């Protein structure tokens, strides 16, 4: 629902901007623009990714307690999503664009360039995690795959499409803004599905669990 609201707000701003000649409330656009950073959608996406990382670390803790063979795969996923959260907030991948463009002079669909090394990392991830994924319960396996397809489609495929649109229509165009709306909507939906999948997996695996953030006072006094 939060993703739908943020995407809808972006759409409302586009209609107001291109259909009604910049009405006064467009001063709020910077707070909700999916094409901008350091605003409410960015904060939401970051919190989503960090929530996924935290839940994955909970799964790792449960798996380690049970001496599960896959415990370190869960720890690796937790670290990956912590990195993605940091990337979302700090714009690390955007900072790669200029050096890559200077080095390789990409054009068209490859102009933004950062997704070239990220695509290679995704390929390595798929190869490294394929057996782990196949050992998951069927429902979890399907949800993880669906979430991954949504996220990668938005983050890589539509980013490439956006790069091509950018070269034709420019940054400040309705075509590029619409592409961004679809791209960000797919990414946020993918993470939401992934968080849901982890929660379902925890429910089926543990039933209930407790997260202890500090040592109990009685133990500390002992």
N, C-alpha and C. Protein backbone atom coordinates (compact mmCIF):
# COMPACT_ATOMS: atom_id res chain seq x y z
N UNK A 1 0.83 -1.21 0.00
CA UNK A 1 0.00 0.00 0.00
C UNK A 1 0.86 1.26 0.00
N UNK A 2 1.94 1.24 0.78
CA UNK A 2 2.84 2.40 0.81
C UNK A 2 3.47 2.63 -0.55
N UNK A 3 3.87 1.55 -1.21
CA UNK A 3 4.44 1.66 -2.55
C UNK A 3 3.43 2.25 -3.52
N UNK A 4 2.19 1.77 -3.44
CA UNK A 4 1.14 2.27 -4.33
C UNK A 4 0.89 3.77 -4.10
N UNK A 5 0.92 4.19 -2.84
CA UNK A 5 0.70 5.59 -2.52
C UNK A 5 1.83 6.45 -3.09
N UNK A 6 3.07 6.02 -2.91
CA UNK A 6 4.20 6.80 -3.41
C UNK A 6 4.21 6.89 -4.93
N UNK A 7 3.90 5.76 -5.59
CA UNK A 7 3.84 5.77 -7.05
C UNK A 7 2.69 6.67 -7.53
N UNK A 8 1.55 6.59 -6.84
CA UNK A 8 0.40 7.42 -7.21
C UNK A 8 0.71 8.90 -7.03
N UNK A 9 1.40 9.25 -5.95
CA UNK A 9 1.77 10.66 -5.73
C UNK A 9 2.68 11.17 -6.84
N UNK A 10 3.62 10.32 -7.25
CA UNK A 10 4.49 10.70 -8.38
C UNK A 10 3.63 10.95 -9.62
N UNK A 11 2.65 10.07 -9.87
CA UNK A 11 1.78 10.24 -11.03
C UNK A 11 0.95 11.51 -10.95
N UNK A 12 0.45 11.83 -9.75
CA UNK A 12 -0.33 13.06 -9.57
C UNK A 12 0.53 14.28 -9.88
N UNK A 13 1.78 14.26 -9.41
CA UNK A 13 2.68 15.38 -9.67
C UNK A 13 2.95 15.53 -11.17
N UNK A 14 3.06 14.40 -11.88
CA UNK A 14 3.28 14.47 -13.33
C UNK A 14 2.08 15.07 -14.04
N UNK A 15 0.87 14.62 -13.66
CA UNK A 15 -0.34 15.17 -14.28
C UNK A 15 -0.44 16.67 -14.02
N UNK A 16 -0.15 17.07 -12.78
CA UNK A 16 -0.22 18.49 -12.45
C UNK A 16 0.82 19.30 -13.22
N UNK A 17 2.00 18.72 -13.35
CA UNK A 17 3.11 19.45 -13.99
C UNK A 17 2.90 19.60 -15.49
N UNK A 18 2.52 18.49 -16.14
CA UNK A 18 2.43 18.52 -17.60
C UNK A 18 1.02 18.81 -18.10
N UNK A 19 0.02 18.69 -17.21
CA UNK A 19 -1.34 18.91 -17.66
C UNK A 19 -1.98 20.20 -17.19
N UNK A 20 -1.48 20.76 -16.08
CA UNK A 20 -2.14 21.93 -15.50
C UNK A 20 -1.17 23.09 -15.24
N UNK A 21 0.00 23.04 -15.84
CA UNK A 21 0.88 24.20 -15.80
C UNK A 21 1.46 24.56 -14.46
N UNK A 22 2.01 23.57 -13.75
CA UNK A 22 2.73 23.83 -12.50
C UNK A 22 1.91 24.57 -11.45
N UNK A 23 0.82 23.96 -10.93
CA UNK A 23 0.08 24.60 -9.84
C UNK A 23 0.94 24.72 -8.58
N UNK A 24 0.44 25.51 -7.62
CA UNK A 24 1.25 25.83 -6.45
C UNK A 24 1.71 24.65 -5.64
N UNK A 25 0.88 23.60 -5.54
CA UNK A 25 1.27 22.48 -4.68
C UNK A 25 2.45 21.68 -5.24
N UNK A 26 2.88 22.00 -6.46
CA UNK A 26 4.04 21.30 -7.01
C UNK A 26 5.32 21.65 -6.27
N UNK A 27 5.26 22.65 -5.38
CA UNK A 27 6.42 22.91 -4.53
C UNK A 27 6.75 21.70 -3.66
N UNK A 28 5.77 20.83 -3.45
CA UNK A 28 5.97 19.62 -2.65
C UNK A 28 6.57 18.48 -3.47
N UNK A 29 6.74 18.68 -4.78
CA UNK A 29 7.17 17.59 -5.65
C UNK A 29 8.50 16.99 -5.21
N UNK A 30 9.41 17.83 -4.77
CA UNK A 30 10.74 17.33 -4.39
C UNK A 30 10.67 16.29 -3.28
N UNK A 31 9.63 16.37 -2.44
CA UNK A 31 9.50 15.43 -1.33
C UNK A 31 9.04 14.05 -1.79
N UNK A 32 8.35 13.97 -2.94
CA UNK A 32 7.74 12.73 -3.38
C UNK A 32 8.21 12.27 -4.76
N UNK A 33 9.11 12.99 -5.38
CA UNK A 33 9.56 12.68 -6.74
C UNK A 33 10.41 11.41 -6.73
N UNK A 34 9.96 10.40 -7.44
CA UNK A 34 10.70 9.14 -7.51
C UNK A 34 12.00 9.29 -8.30
N UNK A 35 12.12 10.39 -9.04
CA UNK A 35 13.32 10.64 -9.83
C UNK A 35 14.36 11.44 -9.06
N UNK A 36 14.09 11.75 -7.80
CA UNK A 36 15.02 12.47 -6.96
C UNK A 36 15.54 11.55 -5.86
N UNK A 37 16.61 11.99 -5.19
CA UNK A 37 17.17 11.25 -4.07
C UNK A 37 17.01 12.06 -2.79
N UNK A 38 17.29 11.41 -1.66
CA UNK A 38 17.24 12.07 -0.35
C UNK A 38 15.86 12.69 -0.09
N UNK A 39 14.79 11.92 -0.37
CA UNK A 39 13.44 12.38 -0.07
C UNK A 39 12.64 11.22 0.51
N UNK A 40 11.32 11.35 0.57
CA UNK A 40 10.50 10.34 1.24
C UNK A 40 10.56 8.98 0.53
N UNK A 41 10.44 8.88 -0.80
CA UNK A 41 10.58 7.56 -1.44
C UNK A 41 11.95 6.92 -1.19
N UNK A 42 13.01 7.73 -1.18
CA UNK A 42 14.34 7.18 -0.91
C UNK A 42 14.41 6.63 0.50
N UNK A 43 13.87 7.38 1.47
CA UNK A 43 13.86 6.91 2.85
C UNK A 43 13.05 5.62 2.98
N UNK A 44 11.90 5.57 2.32
CA UNK A 44 11.07 4.37 2.37
C UNK A 44 11.81 3.16 1.79
N UNK A 45 12.43 3.33 0.63
CA UNK A 45 13.17 2.23 0.00
C UNK A 45 14.32 1.77 0.87
N UNK A 46 15.02 2.73 1.49
CA UNK A 46 16.13 2.38 2.38
C UNK A 46 15.64 1.58 3.57
N UNK A 47 14.55 2.02 4.19
CA UNK A 47 14.00 1.31 5.35
C UNK A 47 13.51 -0.08 4.95
N UNK A 48 12.93 -0.21 3.76
CA UNK A 48 12.53 -1.52 3.26
C UNK A 48 13.72 -2.48 3.20
N UNK A 49 14.79 -2.01 2.59
CA UNK A 49 15.97 -2.85 2.41
C UNK A 49 16.62 -3.18 3.75
N UNK A 50 16.66 -2.23 4.66
CA UNK A 50 17.23 -2.48 5.98
C UNK A 50 16.35 -3.44 6.79
N UNK A 51 15.03 -3.33 6.61
CA UNK A 51 14.13 -4.27 7.28
C UNK A 51 14.37 -5.68 6.76
N UNK A 52 14.56 -5.83 5.45
CA UNK A 52 14.89 -7.14 4.89
C UNK A 52 16.19 -7.66 5.45
N UNK A 53 17.20 -6.80 5.56
CA UNK A 53 18.49 -7.20 6.12
C UNK A 53 18.34 -7.67 7.57
N UNK A 54 17.58 -6.92 8.37
CA UNK A 54 17.37 -7.29 9.77
C UNK A 54 16.68 -8.65 9.88
N UNK A 55 15.62 -8.85 9.08
CA UNK A 55 14.90 -10.13 9.13
C UNK A 55 15.77 -11.29 8.67
N UNK A 56 16.60 -11.04 7.67
CA UNK A 56 17.53 -12.09 7.21
C UNK A 56 18.53 -12.43 8.30
N UNK A 57 18.94 -11.43 9.07
CA UNK A 57 19.87 -11.70 10.17
C UNK A 57 19.18 -12.50 11.28
N UNK A 58 17.88 -12.26 11.47
CA UNK A 58 17.11 -13.07 12.43
C UNK A 58 17.06 -14.52 11.96
N UNK A 59 16.83 -14.73 10.66
CA UNK A 59 16.82 -16.09 10.12
C UNK A 59 18.19 -16.73 10.31
N UNK A 60 19.26 -15.97 10.06
CA UNK A 60 20.60 -16.49 10.27
C UNK A 60 20.81 -16.92 11.72
N UNK A 61 20.34 -16.10 12.67
CA UNK A 61 20.51 -16.43 14.09
C UNK A 61 19.76 -17.73 14.42
N UNK A 62 18.55 -17.87 13.88
CA UNK A 62 17.78 -19.10 14.10
C UNK A 62 18.47 -20.30 13.46
N UNK A 63 18.98 -20.11 12.26
CA UNK A 63 19.66 -21.20 11.55
C UNK A 63 20.96 -21.59 12.25
N UNK A 64 21.68 -20.60 12.77
CA UNK A 64 22.93 -20.91 13.50
C UNK A 64 22.64 -21.68 14.77
N UNK A 65 21.57 -21.31 15.47
CA UNK A 65 21.19 -22.02 16.68
C UNK A 65 20.85 -23.47 16.38
N UNK A 66 20.24 -23.71 15.22
CA UNK A 66 19.88 -25.06 14.84
C UNK A 66 20.99 -25.78 14.08
N UNK A 67 22.14 -25.11 13.92
CA UNK A 67 23.27 -25.66 13.17
C UNK A 67 22.86 -26.03 11.74
N UNK A 68 22.08 -25.16 11.14
CA UNK A 68 21.57 -25.36 9.78
C UNK A 68 22.73 -25.23 8.78
N UNK A 69 22.77 -26.09 7.80
CA UNK A 69 23.84 -26.07 6.80
C UNK A 69 23.85 -24.79 5.99
N UNK A 70 22.68 -24.14 5.89
CA UNK A 70 22.56 -22.94 5.07
C UNK A 70 22.68 -21.65 5.87
N UNK A 71 23.13 -21.72 7.10
CA UNK A 71 23.12 -20.52 7.95
C UNK A 71 23.94 -19.37 7.37
N UNK A 72 25.07 -19.69 6.75
CA UNK A 72 25.92 -18.62 6.25
C UNK A 72 25.39 -18.02 4.95
N UNK A 73 24.55 -18.74 4.24
CA UNK A 73 23.86 -18.14 3.10
C UNK A 73 22.93 -17.03 3.58
N UNK A 74 22.22 -17.28 4.69
CA UNK A 74 21.34 -16.25 5.25
C UNK A 74 22.14 -15.04 5.70
N UNK A 75 23.29 -15.29 6.33
CA UNK A 75 24.14 -14.17 6.75
C UNK A 75 24.60 -13.37 5.54
N UNK A 76 24.95 -14.06 4.46
CA UNK A 76 25.37 -13.37 3.24
C UNK A 76 24.25 -12.52 2.66
N UNK A 77 23.03 -13.05 2.67
CA UNK A 77 21.89 -12.27 2.19
C UNK A 77 21.66 -11.03 3.05
N UNK A 78 21.81 -11.19 4.36
CA UNK A 78 21.64 -10.04 5.26
C UNK A 78 22.65 -8.94 4.94
N UNK A 79 23.88 -9.31 4.67
CA UNK A 79 24.91 -8.33 4.33
C UNK A 79 24.64 -7.69 2.97
N UNK A 80 24.17 -8.47 2.03
CA UNK A 80 23.86 -7.94 0.70
C UNK A 80 22.77 -6.89 0.79
N UNK A 81 21.72 -7.17 1.57
CA UNK A 81 20.63 -6.21 1.66
C UNK A 81 21.00 -4.99 2.50
N UNK A 82 21.91 -5.16 3.45
CA UNK A 82 22.44 -3.99 4.16
C UNK A 82 23.21 -3.10 3.19
N UNK A 83 23.99 -3.72 2.30
CA UNK A 83 24.71 -2.95 1.27
C UNK A 83 23.73 -2.24 0.34
N UNK A 84 22.67 -2.95 -0.09
CA UNK A 84 21.69 -2.33 -0.98
C UNK A 84 20.99 -1.15 -0.30
N UNK A 85 20.73 -1.29 1.01
CA UNK A 85 20.13 -0.18 1.74
C UNK A 85 21.06 1.03 1.78
N UNK A 86 22.35 0.77 2.05
CA UNK A 86 23.32 1.85 2.04
C UNK A 86 23.47 2.47 0.66
N UNK A 87 23.42 1.63 -0.36
CA UNK A 87 23.52 2.12 -1.74
C UNK A 87 22.33 3.01 -2.08
N UNK A 88 21.14 2.59 -1.65
CA UNK A 88 19.93 3.36 -1.93
C UNK A 88 20.02 4.75 -1.29
N UNK A 89 20.50 4.81 -0.06
CA UNK A 89 20.52 6.07 0.66
C UNK A 89 21.70 6.96 0.25
N UNK A 90 22.86 6.35 0.03
CA UNK A 90 24.08 7.12 -0.24
C UNK A 90 24.39 7.28 -1.73
N UNK A 91 23.61 6.62 -2.60
CA UNK A 91 23.75 6.76 -4.06
C UNK A 91 25.12 6.30 -4.55
N UNK A 92 25.60 5.20 -4.01
CA UNK A 92 26.91 4.72 -4.44
C UNK A 92 26.93 4.38 -5.91
N UNK A 93 25.87 3.72 -6.41
CA UNK A 93 25.91 3.32 -7.82
C UNK A 93 25.86 4.52 -8.75
N UNK A 94 25.15 5.61 -8.35
CA UNK A 94 25.13 6.81 -9.19
C UNK A 94 26.52 7.42 -9.32
N UNK A 95 27.32 7.28 -8.27
CA UNK A 95 28.67 7.85 -8.30
C UNK A 95 29.61 7.08 -9.24
N UNK A 96 29.18 5.90 -9.66
CA UNK A 96 29.98 5.12 -10.60
C UNK A 96 29.77 5.56 -12.04
N UNK A 97 28.68 6.31 -12.29
CA UNK A 97 28.32 6.61 -13.68
C UNK A 97 29.40 7.42 -14.39
N UNK A 98 29.82 8.53 -13.78
CA UNK A 98 30.81 9.40 -14.44
C UNK A 98 32.13 8.69 -14.73
N UNK A 99 32.74 7.97 -13.77
CA UNK A 99 33.99 7.26 -14.08
C UNK A 99 33.82 6.21 -15.18
N UNK A 100 32.70 5.47 -15.16
CA UNK A 100 32.48 4.46 -16.19
C UNK A 100 32.25 5.09 -17.56
N UNK A 101 31.52 6.20 -17.58
CA UNK A 101 31.32 6.89 -18.86
C UNK A 101 32.63 7.44 -19.40
N UNK A 102 33.47 7.94 -18.51
CA UNK A 102 34.77 8.47 -18.94
C UNK A 102 35.66 7.35 -19.48
N UNK A 103 35.56 6.16 -18.86
CA UNK A 103 36.44 5.06 -19.26
C UNK A 103 35.96 4.35 -20.53
N UNK A 104 34.63 4.17 -20.68
CA UNK A 104 34.12 3.31 -21.76
C UNK A 104 33.24 4.04 -22.77
N UNK A 105 32.83 5.27 -22.49
CA UNK A 105 32.01 6.07 -23.40
C UNK A 105 30.76 5.30 -23.88
N UNK A 106 29.98 4.74 -22.96
CA UNK A 106 28.78 4.00 -23.38
C UNK A 106 27.70 4.95 -23.90
N UNK A 107 26.84 4.44 -24.75
CA UNK A 107 25.75 5.25 -25.32
C UNK A 107 24.46 4.45 -25.27
N UNK A 108 23.35 5.13 -25.57
CA UNK A 108 22.07 4.45 -25.66
C UNK A 108 21.64 3.81 -24.36
N UNK A 109 21.25 2.55 -24.45
CA UNK A 109 20.75 1.82 -23.28
C UNK A 109 21.83 1.59 -22.23
N UNK A 110 23.08 1.75 -22.58
CA UNK A 110 24.17 1.53 -21.62
C UNK A 110 24.75 2.84 -21.09
N UNK A 111 24.13 3.95 -21.38
CA UNK A 111 24.73 5.25 -21.06
C UNK A 111 24.94 5.44 -19.56
N UNK A 112 23.98 5.00 -18.72
CA UNK A 112 24.13 5.18 -17.27
C UNK A 112 25.22 4.28 -16.70
N UNK A 113 25.47 3.15 -17.35
CA UNK A 113 26.68 2.32 -17.16
C UNK A 113 26.81 1.59 -15.83
N UNK A 114 26.31 2.13 -14.72
CA UNK A 114 26.56 1.49 -13.43
C UNK A 114 26.04 0.06 -13.37
N UNK A 115 24.98 -0.22 -14.14
CA UNK A 115 24.38 -1.55 -14.07
C UNK A 115 25.19 -2.61 -14.82
N UNK A 116 26.25 -2.21 -15.49
CA UNK A 116 27.12 -3.22 -16.14
C UNK A 116 27.86 -4.03 -15.08
N UNK A 117 28.63 -3.41 -14.17
CA UNK A 117 29.25 -4.21 -13.11
C UNK A 117 28.23 -4.83 -12.17
N UNK A 118 27.13 -4.15 -11.91
CA UNK A 118 26.10 -4.72 -11.02
C UNK A 118 25.47 -5.97 -11.65
N UNK A 119 25.30 -5.98 -12.97
CA UNK A 119 24.75 -7.16 -13.64
C UNK A 119 25.68 -8.35 -13.49
N UNK A 120 26.97 -8.11 -13.57
CA UNK A 120 27.94 -9.19 -13.37
C UNK A 120 27.86 -9.73 -11.94
N UNK A 121 27.70 -8.83 -10.97
CA UNK A 121 27.55 -9.26 -9.58
C UNK A 121 26.28 -10.07 -9.38
N UNK A 122 25.20 -9.67 -10.05
CA UNK A 122 23.95 -10.42 -9.96
C UNK A 122 24.13 -11.82 -10.53
N UNK A 123 24.84 -11.92 -11.65
CA UNK A 123 25.10 -13.22 -12.25
C UNK A 123 25.89 -14.12 -11.29
N UNK A 124 26.93 -13.56 -10.66
CA UNK A 124 27.70 -14.33 -9.69
C UNK A 124 26.84 -14.74 -8.50
N UNK A 125 25.96 -13.84 -8.07
CA UNK A 125 25.06 -14.14 -6.95
C UNK A 125 24.15 -15.31 -7.31
N UNK A 126 23.55 -15.27 -8.51
CA UNK A 126 22.64 -16.34 -8.92
C UNK A 126 23.37 -17.68 -8.95
N UNK A 127 24.57 -17.70 -9.50
CA UNK A 127 25.34 -18.94 -9.56
C UNK A 127 25.67 -19.44 -8.15
N UNK A 128 26.08 -18.53 -7.27
CA UNK A 128 26.47 -18.93 -5.93
C UNK A 128 25.32 -19.35 -5.05
N UNK A 129 24.13 -18.81 -5.29
CA UNK A 129 22.99 -19.07 -4.42
C UNK A 129 21.97 -20.03 -5.02
N UNK A 130 22.22 -20.58 -6.20
CA UNK A 130 21.22 -21.40 -6.87
C UNK A 130 20.85 -22.63 -6.05
N UNK A 131 21.86 -23.34 -5.54
CA UNK A 131 21.57 -24.55 -4.76
C UNK A 131 20.85 -24.20 -3.47
N UNK A 132 21.26 -23.14 -2.81
CA UNK A 132 20.58 -22.68 -1.59
C UNK A 132 19.12 -22.38 -1.89
N UNK A 133 18.87 -21.65 -2.97
CA UNK A 133 17.49 -21.32 -3.35
C UNK A 133 16.67 -22.57 -3.60
N UNK A 134 17.26 -23.56 -4.25
CA UNK A 134 16.52 -24.78 -4.58
C UNK A 134 16.18 -25.59 -3.33
N UNK A 135 16.97 -25.45 -2.25
CA UNK A 135 16.70 -26.17 -1.02
C UNK A 135 15.61 -25.51 -0.16
N UNK A 136 15.21 -24.31 -0.51
CA UNK A 136 14.17 -23.63 0.25
C UNK A 136 12.82 -24.31 0.06
N UNK A 137 11.89 -24.12 1.02
CA UNK A 137 10.52 -24.64 0.81
C UNK A 137 9.92 -24.05 -0.46
N UNK A 138 9.04 -24.80 -1.07
CA UNK A 138 8.53 -24.42 -2.39
C UNK A 138 7.90 -23.03 -2.38
N UNK A 139 7.07 -22.74 -1.38
CA UNK A 139 6.40 -21.44 -1.33
C UNK A 139 7.42 -20.31 -1.20
N UNK A 140 8.42 -20.51 -0.34
CA UNK A 140 9.47 -19.49 -0.17
C UNK A 140 10.28 -19.33 -1.44
N UNK A 141 10.57 -20.46 -2.08
CA UNK A 141 11.35 -20.42 -3.32
C UNK A 141 10.63 -19.60 -4.39
N UNK A 142 9.34 -19.79 -4.51
CA UNK A 142 8.57 -19.06 -5.52
C UNK A 142 8.51 -17.57 -5.20
N UNK A 143 8.28 -17.25 -3.93
CA UNK A 143 8.20 -15.84 -3.55
C UNK A 143 9.55 -15.14 -3.72
N UNK A 144 10.64 -15.82 -3.36
CA UNK A 144 11.97 -15.24 -3.55
C UNK A 144 12.23 -14.99 -5.03
N UNK A 145 11.86 -15.95 -5.88
CA UNK A 145 12.08 -15.79 -7.32
C UNK A 145 11.24 -14.64 -7.86
N UNK A 146 9.98 -14.56 -7.45
CA UNK A 146 9.10 -13.49 -7.92
C UNK A 146 9.63 -12.13 -7.48
N UNK A 147 10.05 -12.04 -6.21
CA UNK A 147 10.61 -10.78 -5.71
C UNK A 147 11.86 -10.39 -6.48
N UNK A 148 12.73 -11.37 -6.74
CA UNK A 148 13.96 -11.09 -7.47
C UNK A 148 13.70 -10.61 -8.88
N UNK A 149 12.73 -11.24 -9.56
CA UNK A 149 12.39 -10.83 -10.93
C UNK A 149 11.87 -9.40 -10.94
N UNK A 150 10.98 -9.07 -10.00
CA UNK A 150 10.46 -7.71 -9.92
C UNK A 150 11.58 -6.69 -9.69
N UNK A 151 12.45 -7.00 -8.74
CA UNK A 151 13.50 -6.04 -8.36
C UNK A 151 14.51 -5.86 -9.48
N UNK A 152 14.95 -6.94 -10.08
CA UNK A 152 15.95 -6.85 -11.14
C UNK A 152 15.35 -6.25 -12.41
N UNK A 153 14.08 -6.57 -12.71
CA UNK A 153 13.42 -5.96 -13.86
C UNK A 153 13.38 -4.45 -13.72
N UNK A 154 13.01 -3.99 -12.51
CA UNK A 154 12.99 -2.55 -12.28
C UNK A 154 14.37 -1.94 -12.25
N UNK A 155 15.28 -2.56 -11.48
CA UNK A 155 16.59 -1.97 -11.25
C UNK A 155 17.55 -2.06 -12.41
N UNK A 156 17.42 -3.08 -13.26
CA UNK A 156 18.36 -3.26 -14.37
C UNK A 156 17.68 -3.01 -15.72
N UNK A 157 16.62 -3.79 -16.02
CA UNK A 157 16.00 -3.67 -17.35
C UNK A 157 15.41 -2.28 -17.56
N UNK A 158 14.61 -1.80 -16.61
CA UNK A 158 13.99 -0.49 -16.81
C UNK A 158 15.00 0.64 -16.66
N UNK A 159 16.07 0.41 -15.90
CA UNK A 159 17.14 1.42 -15.85
C UNK A 159 17.81 1.54 -17.21
N UNK A 160 17.99 0.42 -17.90
CA UNK A 160 18.55 0.47 -19.26
C UNK A 160 17.57 1.16 -20.21
N UNK A 161 16.28 0.85 -20.07
CA UNK A 161 15.28 1.52 -20.89
C UNK A 161 15.28 3.02 -20.61
N UNK A 162 15.40 3.38 -19.33
CA UNK A 162 15.47 4.79 -18.97
C UNK A 162 16.68 5.48 -19.55
N UNK A 163 17.80 4.75 -19.60
CA UNK A 163 19.01 5.31 -20.20
C UNK A 163 18.78 5.64 -21.67
N UNK A 164 18.09 4.74 -22.36
CA UNK A 164 17.80 4.98 -23.78
C UNK A 164 16.84 6.15 -23.94
N UNK A 165 15.80 6.19 -23.11
CA UNK A 165 14.83 7.30 -23.17
C UNK A 165 15.52 8.62 -22.87
N UNK A 166 16.43 8.60 -21.90
CA UNK A 166 17.17 9.81 -21.54
C UNK A 166 17.95 10.36 -22.72
N UNK A 167 18.58 9.48 -23.50
CA UNK A 167 19.38 9.95 -24.63
C UNK A 167 18.50 10.55 -25.73
N UNK A 168 17.23 10.15 -25.78
CA UNK A 168 16.33 10.64 -26.83
C UNK A 168 15.54 11.87 -26.37
N UNK A 169 14.97 11.80 -25.16
CA UNK A 169 14.05 12.85 -24.71
C UNK A 169 14.63 13.76 -23.62
N UNK A 170 15.70 13.31 -22.96
CA UNK A 170 16.29 14.12 -21.91
C UNK A 170 15.73 13.81 -20.54
N UNK A 171 16.38 14.38 -19.54
CA UNK A 171 16.05 14.14 -18.14
C UNK A 171 14.67 14.70 -17.78
N UNK A 172 14.39 15.90 -18.21
CA UNK A 172 13.17 16.61 -17.83
C UNK A 172 12.10 16.39 -18.89
N UNK A 173 11.61 15.15 -18.99
CA UNK A 173 10.60 14.81 -20.00
C UNK A 173 9.58 13.87 -19.38
N UNK A 174 8.36 13.92 -19.89
CA UNK A 174 7.31 13.06 -19.36
C UNK A 174 7.62 11.59 -19.63
N UNK A 175 8.28 11.30 -20.76
CA UNK A 175 8.63 9.91 -21.07
C UNK A 175 9.58 9.34 -20.03
N UNK A 176 10.60 10.12 -19.68
CA UNK A 176 11.57 9.65 -18.69
C UNK A 176 10.92 9.54 -17.31
N UNK A 177 10.07 10.49 -16.95
CA UNK A 177 9.40 10.46 -15.65
C UNK A 177 8.49 9.24 -15.52
N UNK A 178 7.80 8.87 -16.60
CA UNK A 178 6.94 7.70 -16.57
C UNK A 178 7.76 6.42 -16.41
N UNK A 179 8.90 6.38 -17.09
CA UNK A 179 9.78 5.21 -16.95
C UNK A 179 10.26 5.07 -15.51
N UNK A 180 10.64 6.19 -14.90
CA UNK A 180 11.10 6.17 -13.50
C UNK A 180 9.99 5.67 -12.58
N UNK A 181 8.77 6.08 -12.84
CA UNK A 181 7.63 5.66 -12.01
C UNK A 181 7.48 4.14 -12.04
N UNK A 182 7.57 3.55 -13.22
CA UNK A 182 7.46 2.10 -13.34
C UNK A 182 8.67 1.43 -12.69
N UNK A 183 9.85 1.94 -12.97
CA UNK A 183 11.09 1.36 -12.44
C UNK A 183 11.08 1.32 -10.92
N UNK A 184 10.82 2.46 -10.29
CA UNK A 184 10.84 2.52 -8.83
C UNK A 184 9.70 1.72 -8.23
N UNK A 185 8.55 1.72 -8.89
CA UNK A 185 7.44 0.91 -8.39
C UNK A 185 7.76 -0.56 -8.37
N UNK A 186 8.43 -1.05 -9.42
CA UNK A 186 8.82 -2.46 -9.47
C UNK A 186 9.84 -2.78 -8.38
N UNK A 187 10.81 -1.90 -8.18
CA UNK A 187 11.83 -2.15 -7.17
C UNK A 187 11.21 -2.22 -5.77
N UNK A 188 10.38 -1.24 -5.43
CA UNK A 188 9.77 -1.22 -4.10
C UNK A 188 8.83 -2.40 -3.89
N UNK A 189 8.09 -2.78 -4.94
CA UNK A 189 7.20 -3.93 -4.84
C UNK A 189 8.01 -5.21 -4.66
N UNK A 190 9.13 -5.33 -5.38
CA UNK A 190 9.98 -6.51 -5.24
C UNK A 190 10.50 -6.68 -3.82
N UNK A 191 10.94 -5.59 -3.21
CA UNK A 191 11.44 -5.67 -1.83
C UNK A 191 10.31 -6.00 -0.86
N UNK A 192 9.11 -5.42 -1.11
CA UNK A 192 7.96 -5.71 -0.25
C UNK A 192 7.61 -7.20 -0.30
N UNK A 193 7.61 -7.77 -1.49
CA UNK A 193 7.33 -9.21 -1.64
C UNK A 193 8.40 -10.03 -0.93
N UNK A 194 9.65 -9.60 -1.02
CA UNK A 194 10.75 -10.32 -0.38
C UNK A 194 10.61 -10.29 1.14
N UNK A 195 10.28 -9.13 1.69
CA UNK A 195 10.08 -9.02 3.15
C UNK A 195 8.93 -9.93 3.58
N UNK A 196 7.85 -9.93 2.81
CA UNK A 196 6.72 -10.81 3.10
C UNK A 196 7.16 -12.27 3.08
N UNK A 197 7.97 -12.63 2.09
CA UNK A 197 8.44 -14.01 1.98
C UNK A 197 9.28 -14.42 3.19
N UNK A 198 10.15 -13.53 3.65
CA UNK A 198 10.97 -13.83 4.82
C UNK A 198 10.10 -14.02 6.06
N UNK A 199 9.11 -13.14 6.23
CA UNK A 199 8.21 -13.26 7.38
C UNK A 199 7.44 -14.58 7.35
N UNK A 200 6.97 -14.97 6.17
CA UNK A 200 6.28 -16.25 6.04
C UNK A 200 7.21 -17.41 6.36
N UNK A 201 8.45 -17.33 5.89
CA UNK A 201 9.42 -18.37 6.18
C UNK A 201 9.70 -18.47 7.68
N UNK A 202 9.87 -17.33 8.34
CA UNK A 202 10.09 -17.33 9.79
C UNK A 202 8.89 -17.90 10.54
N UNK A 203 7.69 -17.53 10.09
CA UNK A 203 6.48 -18.06 10.72
C UNK A 203 6.43 -19.58 10.62
N UNK A 204 6.73 -20.12 9.44
CA UNK A 204 6.67 -21.57 9.25
C UNK A 204 7.81 -22.28 9.96
N UNK A 205 8.96 -21.61 10.07
CA UNK A 205 10.14 -22.26 10.66
C UNK A 205 10.13 -22.19 12.17
N UNK A 206 9.81 -21.00 12.71
CA UNK A 206 9.97 -20.78 14.14
C UNK A 206 8.64 -20.63 14.90
N UNK A 207 7.58 -20.27 14.18
CA UNK A 207 6.33 -20.00 14.87
C UNK A 207 6.38 -18.62 15.52
N UNK A 208 7.12 -18.51 16.60
CA UNK A 208 7.38 -17.22 17.26
C UNK A 208 8.86 -17.12 17.54
N UNK A 209 9.38 -15.91 17.67
CA UNK A 209 10.77 -15.71 18.03
C UNK A 209 10.90 -14.40 18.79
N UNK A 210 11.98 -14.29 19.55
CA UNK A 210 12.25 -13.09 20.32
C UNK A 210 13.57 -12.49 19.85
N UNK A 211 13.61 -11.16 19.83
CA UNK A 211 14.84 -10.45 19.48
C UNK A 211 15.32 -9.72 20.73
N UNK A 212 16.48 -10.09 21.24
CA UNK A 212 17.03 -9.48 22.45
C UNK A 212 18.09 -8.46 22.05
N UNK A 213 17.84 -7.21 22.35
CA UNK A 213 18.74 -6.14 21.93
C UNK A 213 19.81 -5.84 22.97
N UNK A 214 19.65 -6.32 24.18
CA UNK A 214 20.64 -6.08 25.23
C UNK A 214 20.64 -7.24 26.20
N UNK A 215 21.72 -7.40 26.93
CA UNK A 215 21.81 -8.46 27.91
C UNK A 215 20.87 -8.16 29.06
N UNK A 216 20.09 -9.16 29.53
CA UNK A 216 19.18 -8.90 30.65
C UNK A 216 19.93 -8.36 31.85
N UNK A 217 19.27 -7.52 32.62
CA UNK A 217 19.91 -6.89 33.78
C UNK A 217 20.39 -7.91 34.79
N UNK A 218 19.62 -8.97 35.01
CA UNK A 218 20.02 -9.98 35.99
C UNK A 218 21.30 -10.68 35.59
N UNK A 219 21.44 -10.95 34.27
CA UNK A 219 22.66 -11.60 33.79
C UNK A 219 23.85 -10.68 33.90
N UNK A 220 23.61 -9.38 33.63
CA UNK A 220 24.72 -8.42 33.71
C UNK A 220 25.20 -8.28 35.15
N UNK A 221 24.25 -8.34 36.11
CA UNK A 221 24.66 -8.22 37.52
C UNK A 221 25.44 -9.44 37.99
N UNK A 222 25.10 -10.60 37.44
CA UNK A 222 25.86 -11.81 37.80
C UNK A 222 27.30 -11.74 37.32
